Amino acid sequence: MAVGSTTPAHGVHSEVGRLRKVLVCSPGLAHERLTPTNSDDLLFDDVMWVKAAQRDHLDFVDKLTDRGVEVVELHDLLARTMAVPGARTWLLDRTIVPNQVGLGLVEGARPPRLSPPGRRAPAPVRRGAGGVVRRRGQTLRQRGTQAPSVTS
């Protein structure tokens, strides 16, 4: 438990206890970029059928939700975090760096962080090296699952 609190600290405290909350990341662009050449380096046995993986993932999320588990989608959480100007600046300053995107792309990739939160970033920025993009399908929020609140 947290010091001075009656609620348990975040974490796994039992391997057989009830799962209450889980963070998931839907298969998407990052998985579409898997090739026979890079899949082993990225700890995948082989390339995957992304559409089938997305269907299986949604089915898994539905089953968790049906059992009362709070499911938090990483893409939704990241989008909410990026809507907080200070958090967006912090994250982009540590992500869009020459060692990751190349010296020539740093300046071109940074202007969206200065835009209002509702403005959409250019496609190359949305598709970034990590493949963090919104999928075109149904989001957890549209299905009635809420992401945790973000404070600024």
Protein backbone atom coordinates (compact mmCIF):
# COMPACT_ATOMS: atom_id res chain seq x y z
CA MET A 1 0.00 0.00 0.00
CA ALA A 2 1.04 3.57 -0.52
CA VAL A 3 2.37 5.30 2.60
CA GLY A 4 -0.52 6.83 4.59
CA SER A 5 -3.12 5.38 2.22
CA THR A 6 -5.65 2.59 2.44
CA THR A 7 -5.54 1.92 -1.32
CA PRO A 8 -2.95 -0.44 -2.76
CA ALA A 9 -0.10 1.07 -4.77
CA HIS A 10 -0.14 0.49 -8.52
CA GLY A 11 1.44 -2.77 -9.50
CA VAL A 12 1.01 -6.52 -9.61
CA HIS A 13 0.55 -7.90 -6.12
CA SER A 14 -0.75 -11.36 -6.98
CA GLU A 15 -0.33 -13.72 -9.89
CA VAL A 16 -3.78 -15.19 -9.30
CA GLY A 17 -5.76 -12.13 -8.17
CA ARG A 18 -8.43 -10.35 -10.19
CA LEU A 19 -7.18 -8.10 -12.97
CA ARG A 20 -8.71 -4.65 -12.47
CA LYS A 21 -6.97 -2.43 -15.00
CA VAL A 22 -4.76 -3.11 -18.02
CA LEU A 23 -2.88 -1.04 -20.59
CA VAL A 24 -3.15 -2.35 -24.15
CA CYS A 25 -1.72 -1.22 -27.48
CA SER A 26 -3.69 -2.05 -30.60
CA PRO A 27 -1.78 -3.58 -33.53
CA GLY A 28 -1.30 -1.04 -36.29
CA LEU A 29 1.25 0.71 -38.46
CA ALA A 30 4.23 -0.42 -36.38
CA HIS A 31 3.24 -4.04 -37.01
CA GLU A 32 2.63 -3.40 -40.69
CA ARG A 33 6.27 -2.30 -40.89
CA LEU A 34 7.51 -5.72 -39.77
CA THR A 35 9.49 -7.49 -42.46
CA PRO A 36 11.18 -10.89 -42.52
CA THR A 37 14.46 -8.99 -42.13
CA ASN A 38 13.59 -6.88 -39.08
CA SER A 39 11.07 -9.09 -37.27
CA ASP A 40 13.73 -11.06 -35.39
CA ASP A 41 15.48 -7.87 -34.23
CA LEU A 42 12.13 -6.61 -32.91
CA LEU A 43 11.51 -9.90 -31.02
CA PHE A 44 8.81 -11.24 -33.32
CA ASP A 45 8.97 -14.82 -34.57
CA ASP A 46 7.67 -13.78 -37.97
CA VAL A 47 5.70 -11.06 -39.72
CA MET A 48 2.04 -10.97 -38.74
CA TRP A 49 -1.30 -10.58 -40.44
CA VAL A 50 -2.14 -7.17 -39.01
CA LYS A 51 -5.86 -7.22 -39.88
CA ALA A 52 -6.28 -10.57 -38.12
CA ALA A 53 -4.25 -9.32 -35.15
CA GLN A 54 -6.49 -6.23 -34.91
CA ARG A 55 -9.63 -8.41 -34.91
CA ASP A 56 -8.14 -10.71 -32.26
CA HIS A 57 -7.07 -7.71 -30.19
CA LEU A 58 -10.56 -6.15 -30.27
CA ASP A 59 -12.07 -9.51 -29.31
CA PHE A 60 -9.63 -9.80 -26.41
CA VAL A 61 -10.41 -6.23 -25.25
CA ASP A 62 -14.16 -6.96 -25.45
CA LYS A 63 -13.72 -10.09 -23.31
CA LEU A 64 -11.69 -8.17 -20.73
CA THR A 65 -14.31 -5.39 -20.64
CA ASP A 66 -17.13 -7.93 -20.29
CA ARG A 67 -15.35 -9.28 -17.19
CA GLY A 68 -15.19 -5.82 -15.60
CA VAL A 69 -11.56 -5.03 -16.40
CA GLU A 70 -10.83 -1.36 -17.08
CA VAL A 71 -8.98 -1.33 -20.41
CA VAL A 72 -6.76 1.66 -21.19
CA GLU A 73 -5.66 2.00 -24.83
CA LEU A 74 -2.12 3.36 -25.19
CA HIS A 75 -3.00 5.39 -28.30
CA ASP A 76 -5.88 7.11 -26.47
CA LEU A 77 -3.68 7.80 -23.46
CA LEU A 78 -0.94 9.22 -25.67
CA ALA A 79 -3.44 11.45 -27.51
CA ARG A 80 -4.74 12.81 -24.20
CA THR A 81 -1.19 13.36 -22.96
CA MET A 82 -0.27 15.20 -26.16
CA ALA A 83 -3.25 17.53 -25.61
CA VAL A 84 -1.51 18.89 -22.48
CA PRO A 85 0.96 21.51 -23.80
CA GLY A 86 3.65 20.93 -21.17
CA ALA A 87 3.46 17.16 -21.59
CA ARG A 88 3.53 17.47 -25.39
CA THR A 89 6.65 19.65 -25.24
CA TRP A 90 8.36 17.31 -22.78
CA LEU A 91 7.60 14.23 -24.86
CA LEU A 92 8.52 15.71 -28.24
CA ASP A 93 11.75 17.22 -26.88
CA ARG A 94 12.82 13.72 -25.86
CA THR A 95 11.49 11.89 -28.92
CA ILE A 96 12.25 14.11 -31.90
CA VAL A 97 16.02 14.15 -31.55
CA PRO A 98 18.73 13.79 -34.22
CA ASN A 99 19.71 10.29 -33.08
CA GLN A 100 16.15 9.06 -33.67
CA VAL A 101 14.83 10.98 -36.68
CA GLY A 102 17.99 12.33 -38.32
CA LEU A 103 19.40 15.84 -38.12
CA GLY A 104 17.58 17.03 -41.25
CA LEU A 105 14.13 16.06 -39.92
CA VAL A 106 14.30 17.52 -36.41
CA GLU A 107 13.21 21.06 -37.26
CA GLY A 108 10.51 19.97 -39.72
CA ALA A 109 9.01 17.61 -37.18
CA ARG A 110 8.92 20.08 -34.28
CA PRO A 111 6.47 22.84 -35.37
CA PRO A 112 3.30 20.81 -34.57
CA ARG A 113 4.20 20.84 -30.88
CA LEU A 114 3.77 24.61 -30.93
CA SER A 115 0.34 24.42 -32.57
CA PRO A 116 -2.92 24.34 -30.65
CA PRO A 117 -3.69 20.84 -29.29
CA GLY A 118 -6.62 20.29 -31.68
CA ARG A 119 -4.52 20.85 -34.80
CA ARG A 120 -3.52 17.68 -36.61
CA ALA A 121 0.18 17.04 -37.16
CA PRO A 122 1.47 16.30 -40.68
CA ALA A 123 1.22 12.64 -41.74
CA PRO A 124 4.97 11.88 -41.40
CA VAL A 125 4.86 13.08 -37.79
CA ARG A 126 1.70 11.07 -37.02
CA ARG A 127 3.34 7.96 -38.44
CA GLY A 128 6.61 8.53 -36.50
CA ALA A 129 9.35 5.97 -36.05
CA GLY A 130 7.49 4.25 -33.23
CA GLY A 131 4.35 3.77 -35.30
CA VAL A 132 2.20 5.69 -32.83
CA VAL A 133 -0.84 6.50 -34.91
CA ARG A 134 -4.56 6.41 -34.41
CA ARG A 135 -6.14 3.46 -36.13
CA ARG A 136 -9.09 4.12 -38.38
CA GLY A 137 -11.31 1.63 -36.56
CA GLN A 138 -13.39 2.09 -33.46
CA THR A 139 -11.61 3.52 -30.41
CA LEU A 140 -12.22 2.33 -26.88
CA ARG A 141 -13.73 5.73 -26.05
CA GLN A 142 -16.26 5.33 -28.87
CA ARG A 143 -17.19 1.96 -27.36
CA GLY A 144 -17.76 3.55 -23.96
CA THR A 145 -14.44 2.83 -22.24
CA GLN A 146 -12.86 5.95 -20.76
CA ALA A 147 -9.15 6.66 -20.51
CA PRO A 148 -7.92 7.87 -17.13
CA SER A 149 -8.03 11.61 -16.53
CA VAL A 150 -4.92 13.64 -17.30
CA THR A 151 -4.06 16.64 -15.15
CA SER A 152 -1.96 19.48 -16.45
